[in-house]
Amino acid sequence: MAEEVAGETRSSEPESSIPDFPDPPLPSDPATDALFSDSLRRIQKFIPLASAAIALVLFWQGTLGLALGFALGAAVAWINFLSLKSTVAALANAITQSGAQASRPRVVLRFITRFALIALGAYVIFTRYPVAFHGFLGGLFVPVLAIFMEAAYVVVAAIRPSTGS
């Protein structure tokens, strides 16, 4: 849309004073790339290992309801983590591929449904088995523990002197 004011033609669209240049490629360190490329795989291994270890400790201490609630919460968290990983990949594909318009609503519905199912499971456990509910909530945080374990692994790997060269 253009307007003519005092003999000049002006556009109603704002002008950009920043030239549109492509972003330069970021420098890459092969050692750092290798370290971080396996992070997701290690986190996926840490979740069931930490879940089993904590559930066994709770069971060994004689808190069966808490241990079962924790195991159920950890299982839900594991399924949620895998579902989130696939949803993010599907959403990224739907955004980057122009021909995948029909899959976007399904991806969003899957994303929302996951949280609804977690809330329903928490409600059932809360109303039927209050002791197990505390364990269930604890189990939902196992992925956070796994991410902390991965962060510790990366810090140790970063400060450990390299053996090559």
C-alpha atoms as a PDB file:
ATOM      1  CA  MET A   1       0.000   0.000   0.000  1.00  0.00           C
ATOM      2  CA  ALA A   2       1.615   3.255  -1.065  1.00  0.00           C
ATOM      3  CA  GLU A   3       0.654   6.842  -0.223  1.00  0.00           C
ATOM      4  CA  GLU A   4       1.682   9.978  -2.037  1.00  0.00           C
ATOM      5  CA  VAL A   5       2.649  12.804   0.308  1.00  0.00           C
ATOM      6  CA  ALA A   6       4.094  16.125  -1.031  1.00  0.00           C
ATOM      7  CA  GLY A   7       5.240  14.520  -4.275  1.00  0.00           C
ATOM      8  CA  GLU A   8       6.884  11.489  -2.559  1.00  0.00           C
ATOM      9  CA  THR A   9       5.600   7.955  -2.653  1.00  0.00           C
ATOM     10  CA  ARG A  10       5.690   6.315   0.761  1.00  0.00           C
ATOM     11  CA  SER A  11       4.967   2.737   1.588  1.00  0.00           C
ATOM     12  CA  SER A  12       2.951   1.879   4.714  1.00  0.00           C
ATOM     13  CA  GLU A  13       5.237  -1.111   5.290  1.00  0.00           C
ATOM     14  CA  PRO A  14       8.162  -0.409   7.628  1.00  0.00           C
ATOM     15  CA  GLU A  15      11.571  -0.277   6.034  1.00  0.00           C
ATOM     16  CA  SER A  16      14.272  -2.502   7.408  1.00  0.00           C
ATOM     17  CA  SER A  17      17.659  -0.892   7.835  1.00  0.00           C
ATOM     18  CA  ILE A  18      19.298  -4.266   8.486  1.00  0.00           C
ATOM     19  CA  PRO A  19      20.450  -6.050   5.335  1.00  0.00           C
ATOM     20  CA  ASP A  20      19.250  -9.621   4.957  1.00  0.00           C
ATOM     21  CA  PHE A  21      22.467 -11.661   4.997  1.00  0.00           C
ATOM     22  CA  PRO A  22      22.583 -15.376   5.736  1.00  0.00           C
ATOM     23  CA  ASP A  23      23.987 -16.330   9.129  1.00  0.00           C
ATOM     24  CA  PRO A  24      27.605 -17.451   8.971  1.00  0.00           C
ATOM     25  CA  PRO A  25      28.185 -21.067   9.952  1.00  0.00           C
ATOM     26  CA  LEU A  26      29.095 -21.508  13.587  1.00  0.00           C
ATOM     27  CA  PRO A  27      32.553 -22.885  14.329  1.00  0.00           C
ATOM     28  CA  SER A  28      32.450 -26.538  15.244  1.00  0.00           C
ATOM     29  CA  ASP A  29      34.756 -28.601  17.398  1.00  0.00           C
ATOM     30  CA  PRO A  30      34.604 -32.321  16.504  1.00  0.00           C
ATOM     31  CA  ALA A  31      35.357 -33.411  20.070  1.00  0.00           C
ATOM     32  CA  THR A  32      32.560 -31.253  21.498  1.00  0.00           C
ATOM     33  CA  ASP A  33      30.149 -32.379  18.784  1.00  0.00           C
ATOM     34  CA  ALA A  34      30.907 -36.018  19.563  1.00  0.00           C
ATOM     35  CA  LEU A  35      30.370 -35.441  23.286  1.00  0.00           C
ATOM     36  CA  PHE A  36      26.975 -33.797  22.864  1.00  0.00           C
ATOM     37  CA  SER A  37      25.713 -36.013  20.058  1.00  0.00           C
ATOM     38  CA  ASP A  38      25.442 -38.928  22.476  1.00  0.00           C
ATOM     39  CA  SER A  39      23.739 -36.950  25.253  1.00  0.00           C
ATOM     40  CA  LEU A  40      20.199 -37.976  24.326  1.00  0.00           C
ATOM     41  CA  ARG A  41      21.219 -41.630  24.129  1.00  0.00           C
ATOM     42  CA  ARG A  42      22.828 -41.456  27.582  1.00  0.00           C
ATOM     43  CA  ILE A  43      19.796 -39.697  29.086  1.00  0.00           C
ATOM     44  CA  GLN A  44      17.581 -42.435  27.662  1.00  0.00           C
ATOM     45  CA  LYS A  45      19.782 -45.011  29.430  1.00  0.00           C
ATOM     46  CA  PHE A  46      19.932 -43.086  32.718  1.00  0.00           C
ATOM     47  CA  ILE A  47      16.129 -42.854  33.108  1.00  0.00           C
ATOM     48  CA  PRO A  48      15.403 -46.595  33.470  1.00  0.00           C
ATOM     49  CA  LEU A  49      18.607 -47.218  35.453  1.00  0.00           C
ATOM     50  CA  ALA A  50      17.839 -44.477  37.979  1.00  0.00           C
ATOM     51  CA  SER A  51      14.183 -45.557  38.138  1.00  0.00           C
ATOM     52  CA  ALA A  52      15.052 -49.160  38.904  1.00  0.00           C
ATOM     53  CA  ALA A  53      17.680 -48.222  41.493  1.00  0.00           C
ATOM     54  CA  ILE A  54      15.399 -45.833  43.383  1.00  0.00           C
ATOM     55  CA  ALA A  55      12.386 -48.187  43.231  1.00  0.00           C
ATOM     56  CA  LEU A  56      14.531 -51.022  44.620  1.00  0.00           C
ATOM     57  CA  VAL A  57      15.770 -48.825  47.473  1.00  0.00           C
ATOM     58  CA  LEU A  58      12.185 -47.819  48.321  1.00  0.00           C
ATOM     59  CA  PHE A  59      11.061 -51.459  48.189  1.00  0.00           C
ATOM     60  CA  TRP A  60      14.023 -52.557  50.317  1.00  0.00           C
ATOM     61  CA  GLN A  61      13.078 -49.950  52.952  1.00  0.00           C
ATOM     62  CA  GLY A  62       9.652 -51.588  53.219  1.00  0.00           C
ATOM     63  CA  THR A  63       7.574 -48.848  51.614  1.00  0.00           C
ATOM     64  CA  LEU A  64       5.804 -50.997  49.039  1.00  0.00           C
ATOM     65  CA  GLY A  65       3.080 -48.457  48.188  1.00  0.00           C
ATOM     66  CA  LEU A  66       5.653 -45.714  47.732  1.00  0.00           C
ATOM     67  CA  ALA A  67       7.866 -47.990  45.627  1.00  0.00           C
ATOM     68  CA  LEU A  68       4.973 -49.032  43.368  1.00  0.00           C
ATOM     69  CA  GLY A  69       3.817 -45.427  42.988  1.00  0.00           C
ATOM     70  CA  PHE A  70       7.369 -44.379  42.157  1.00  0.00           C
ATOM     71  CA  ALA A  71       7.723 -47.182  39.599  1.00  0.00           C
ATOM     72  CA  LEU A  72       4.440 -46.179  37.968  1.00  0.00           C
ATOM     73  CA  GLY A  73       5.415 -42.490  37.925  1.00  0.00           C
ATOM     74  CA  ALA A  74       8.821 -43.355  36.454  1.00  0.00           C
ATOM     75  CA  ALA A  75       7.166 -45.501  33.765  1.00  0.00           C
ATOM     76  CA  VAL A  76       4.824 -42.635  32.875  1.00  0.00           C
ATOM     77  CA  ALA A  77       7.798 -40.252  32.800  1.00  0.00           C
ATOM     78  CA  TRP A  78       9.730 -42.645  30.524  1.00  0.00           C
ATOM     79  CA  ILE A  79       6.787 -42.943  28.120  1.00  0.00           C
ATOM     80  CA  ASN A  80       6.303 -39.169  28.294  1.00  0.00           C
ATOM     81  CA  PHE A  81       9.983 -38.583  27.503  1.00  0.00           C
ATOM     82  CA  LEU A  82       9.875 -40.877  24.465  1.00  0.00           C
ATOM     83  CA  SER A  83       6.586 -39.346  23.323  1.00  0.00           C
ATOM     84  CA  LEU A  84       7.956 -35.833  23.752  1.00  0.00           C
ATOM     85  CA  LYS A  85      11.028 -36.759  21.722  1.00  0.00           C
ATOM     86  CA  SER A  86       8.920 -38.099  18.847  1.00  0.00           C
ATOM     87  CA  THR A  87       6.438 -35.198  19.071  1.00  0.00           C
ATOM     88  CA  VAL A  88       9.211 -32.621  18.858  1.00  0.00           C
ATOM     89  CA  ALA A  89      10.682 -34.430  15.843  1.00  0.00           C
ATOM     90  CA  ALA A  90       7.256 -34.633  14.168  1.00  0.00           C
ATOM     91  CA  LEU A  91       6.504 -30.980  14.926  1.00  0.00           C
ATOM     92  CA  ALA A  92       9.873 -29.912  13.533  1.00  0.00           C
ATOM     93  CA  ASN A  93       9.186 -31.929  10.373  1.00  0.00           C
ATOM     94  CA  ALA A  94       5.701 -30.425  10.057  1.00  0.00           C
ATOM     95  CA  ILE A  95       7.101 -26.917  10.347  1.00  0.00           C
ATOM     96  CA  THR A  96      10.022 -27.377   7.977  1.00  0.00           C
ATOM     97  CA  GLN A  97       8.167 -29.332   5.284  1.00  0.00           C
ATOM     98  CA  SER A  98       5.577 -27.287   3.419  1.00  0.00           C
ATOM     99  CA  GLY A  99       3.654 -30.353   2.203  1.00  0.00           C
ATOM    100  CA  ALA A 100       2.902 -31.695   5.691  1.00  0.00           C
ATOM    101  CA  GLN A 101       0.064 -29.284   6.558  1.00  0.00           C
ATOM    102  CA  ALA A 102      -2.410 -32.034   7.504  1.00  0.00           C
ATOM    103  CA  SER A 103      -0.179 -33.540  10.191  1.00  0.00           C
ATOM    104  CA  ARG A 104       0.170 -30.376  12.308  1.00  0.00           C
ATOM    105  CA  PRO A 105      -3.179 -30.690  14.145  1.00  0.00           C
ATOM    106  CA  ARG A 106      -2.497 -34.354  14.868  1.00  0.00           C
ATOM    107  CA  VAL A 107       0.920 -33.524  16.324  1.00  0.00           C
ATOM    108  CA  VAL A 108      -0.544 -30.820  18.564  1.00  0.00           C
ATOM    109  CA  LEU A 109      -3.374 -33.134  19.652  1.00  0.00           C
ATOM    110  CA  ARG A 110      -0.845 -35.825  20.571  1.00  0.00           C
ATOM    111  CA  PHE A 111       1.138 -33.247  22.542  1.00  0.00           C
ATOM    112  CA  ILE A 112      -1.922 -32.148  24.553  1.00  0.00           C
ATOM    113  CA  THR A 113      -3.292 -35.673  25.005  1.00  0.00           C
ATOM    114  CA  ARG A 114      -0.081 -36.777  26.692  1.00  0.00           C
ATOM    115  CA  PHE A 115      -0.570 -34.244  29.498  1.00  0.00           C
ATOM    116  CA  ALA A 116      -4.251 -35.106  29.862  1.00  0.00           C
ATOM    117  CA  LEU A 117      -3.379 -38.787  30.367  1.00  0.00           C
ATOM    118  CA  ILE A 118      -0.746 -37.913  32.984  1.00  0.00           C
ATOM    119  CA  ALA A 119      -3.287 -35.770  34.848  1.00  0.00           C
ATOM    120  CA  LEU A 120      -5.894 -38.556  34.708  1.00  0.00           C
ATOM    121  CA  GLY A 121      -3.415 -41.132  36.035  1.00  0.00           C
ATOM    122  CA  ALA A 122      -2.348 -38.785  38.835  1.00  0.00           C
ATOM    123  CA  TYR A 123      -5.981 -38.168  39.785  1.00  0.00           C
ATOM    124  CA  VAL A 124      -6.799 -41.885  39.965  1.00  0.00           C
ATOM    125  CA  ILE A 125      -3.738 -42.619  42.084  1.00  0.00           C
ATOM    126  CA  PHE A 126      -4.382 -39.591  44.316  1.00  0.00           C
ATOM    127  CA  THR A 127      -7.986 -40.567  45.033  1.00  0.00           C
ATOM    128  CA  ARG A 128      -7.407 -44.330  45.447  1.00  0.00           C
ATOM    129  CA  TYR A 129      -3.901 -44.670  46.875  1.00  0.00           C
ATOM    130  CA  PRO A 130      -2.689 -41.476  48.603  1.00  0.00           C
ATOM    131  CA  VAL A 131       0.616 -43.011  49.764  1.00  0.00           C
ATOM    132  CA  ALA A 132       1.459 -44.137  46.233  1.00  0.00           C
ATOM    133  CA  PHE A 133       0.682 -40.643  44.937  1.00  0.00           C
ATOM    134  CA  HIS A 134       3.815 -39.225  46.577  1.00  0.00           C
ATOM    135  CA  GLY A 135       5.896 -41.920  44.922  1.00  0.00           C
ATOM    136  CA  PHE A 136       4.144 -41.254  41.618  1.00  0.00           C
ATOM    137  CA  LEU A 137       5.068 -37.574  41.783  1.00  0.00           C
ATOM    138  CA  GLY A 138       8.661 -38.495  42.605  1.00  0.00           C
ATOM    139  CA  GLY A 139       8.774 -40.889  39.672  1.00  0.00           C
ATOM    140  CA  LEU A 140       7.674 -38.154  37.292  1.00  0.00           C
ATOM    141  CA  PHE A 141      10.915 -36.297  38.066  1.00  0.00           C
ATOM    142  CA  VAL A 142      13.259 -39.137  37.086  1.00  0.00           C
ATOM    143  CA  PRO A 143      14.020 -37.522  33.675  1.00  0.00           C
ATOM    144  CA  VAL A 144      15.206 -34.418  35.551  1.00  0.00           C
ATOM    145  CA  LEU A 145      17.561 -36.623  37.571  1.00  0.00           C
ATOM    146  CA  ALA A 146      18.767 -38.243  34.343  1.00  0.00           C
ATOM    147  CA  ILE A 147      19.473 -34.818  32.842  1.00  0.00           C
ATOM    148  CA  PHE A 148      21.462 -33.853  35.962  1.00  0.00           C
ATOM    149  CA  MET A 149      23.402 -37.114  35.655  1.00  0.00           C
ATOM    150  CA  GLU A 150      24.153 -36.268  32.022  1.00  0.00           C
ATOM    151  CA  ALA A 151      25.251 -32.767  32.988  1.00  0.00           C
ATOM    152  CA  ALA A 152      27.643 -34.213  35.564  1.00  0.00           C
ATOM    153  CA  TYR A 153      28.973 -36.645  32.952  1.00  0.00           C
ATOM    154  CA  VAL A 154      29.585 -33.796  30.480  1.00  0.00           C
ATOM    155  CA  VAL A 155      31.334 -31.665  33.115  1.00  0.00           C
ATOM    156  CA  VAL A 156      33.622 -34.533  34.118  1.00  0.00           C
ATOM    157  CA  ALA A 157      34.343 -35.312  30.452  1.00  0.00           C
ATOM    158  CA  ALA A 158      35.107 -31.638  29.781  1.00  0.00           C
ATOM    159  CA  ILE A 159      37.567 -31.198  32.639  1.00  0.00           C
ATOM    160  CA  ARG A 160      39.224 -34.594  32.287  1.00  0.00           C
ATOM    161  CA  PRO A 161      42.521 -34.237  30.441  1.00  0.00           C
ATOM    162  CA  SER A 162      42.397 -35.730  26.969  1.00  0.00           C
ATOM    163  CA  THR A 163      44.668 -38.706  26.346  1.00  0.00           C
ATOM    164  CA  GLY A 164      45.267 -37.998  22.637  1.00  0.00           C
ATOM    165  CA  SER A 165      48.120 -35.584  21.629  1.00  0.00           C
END
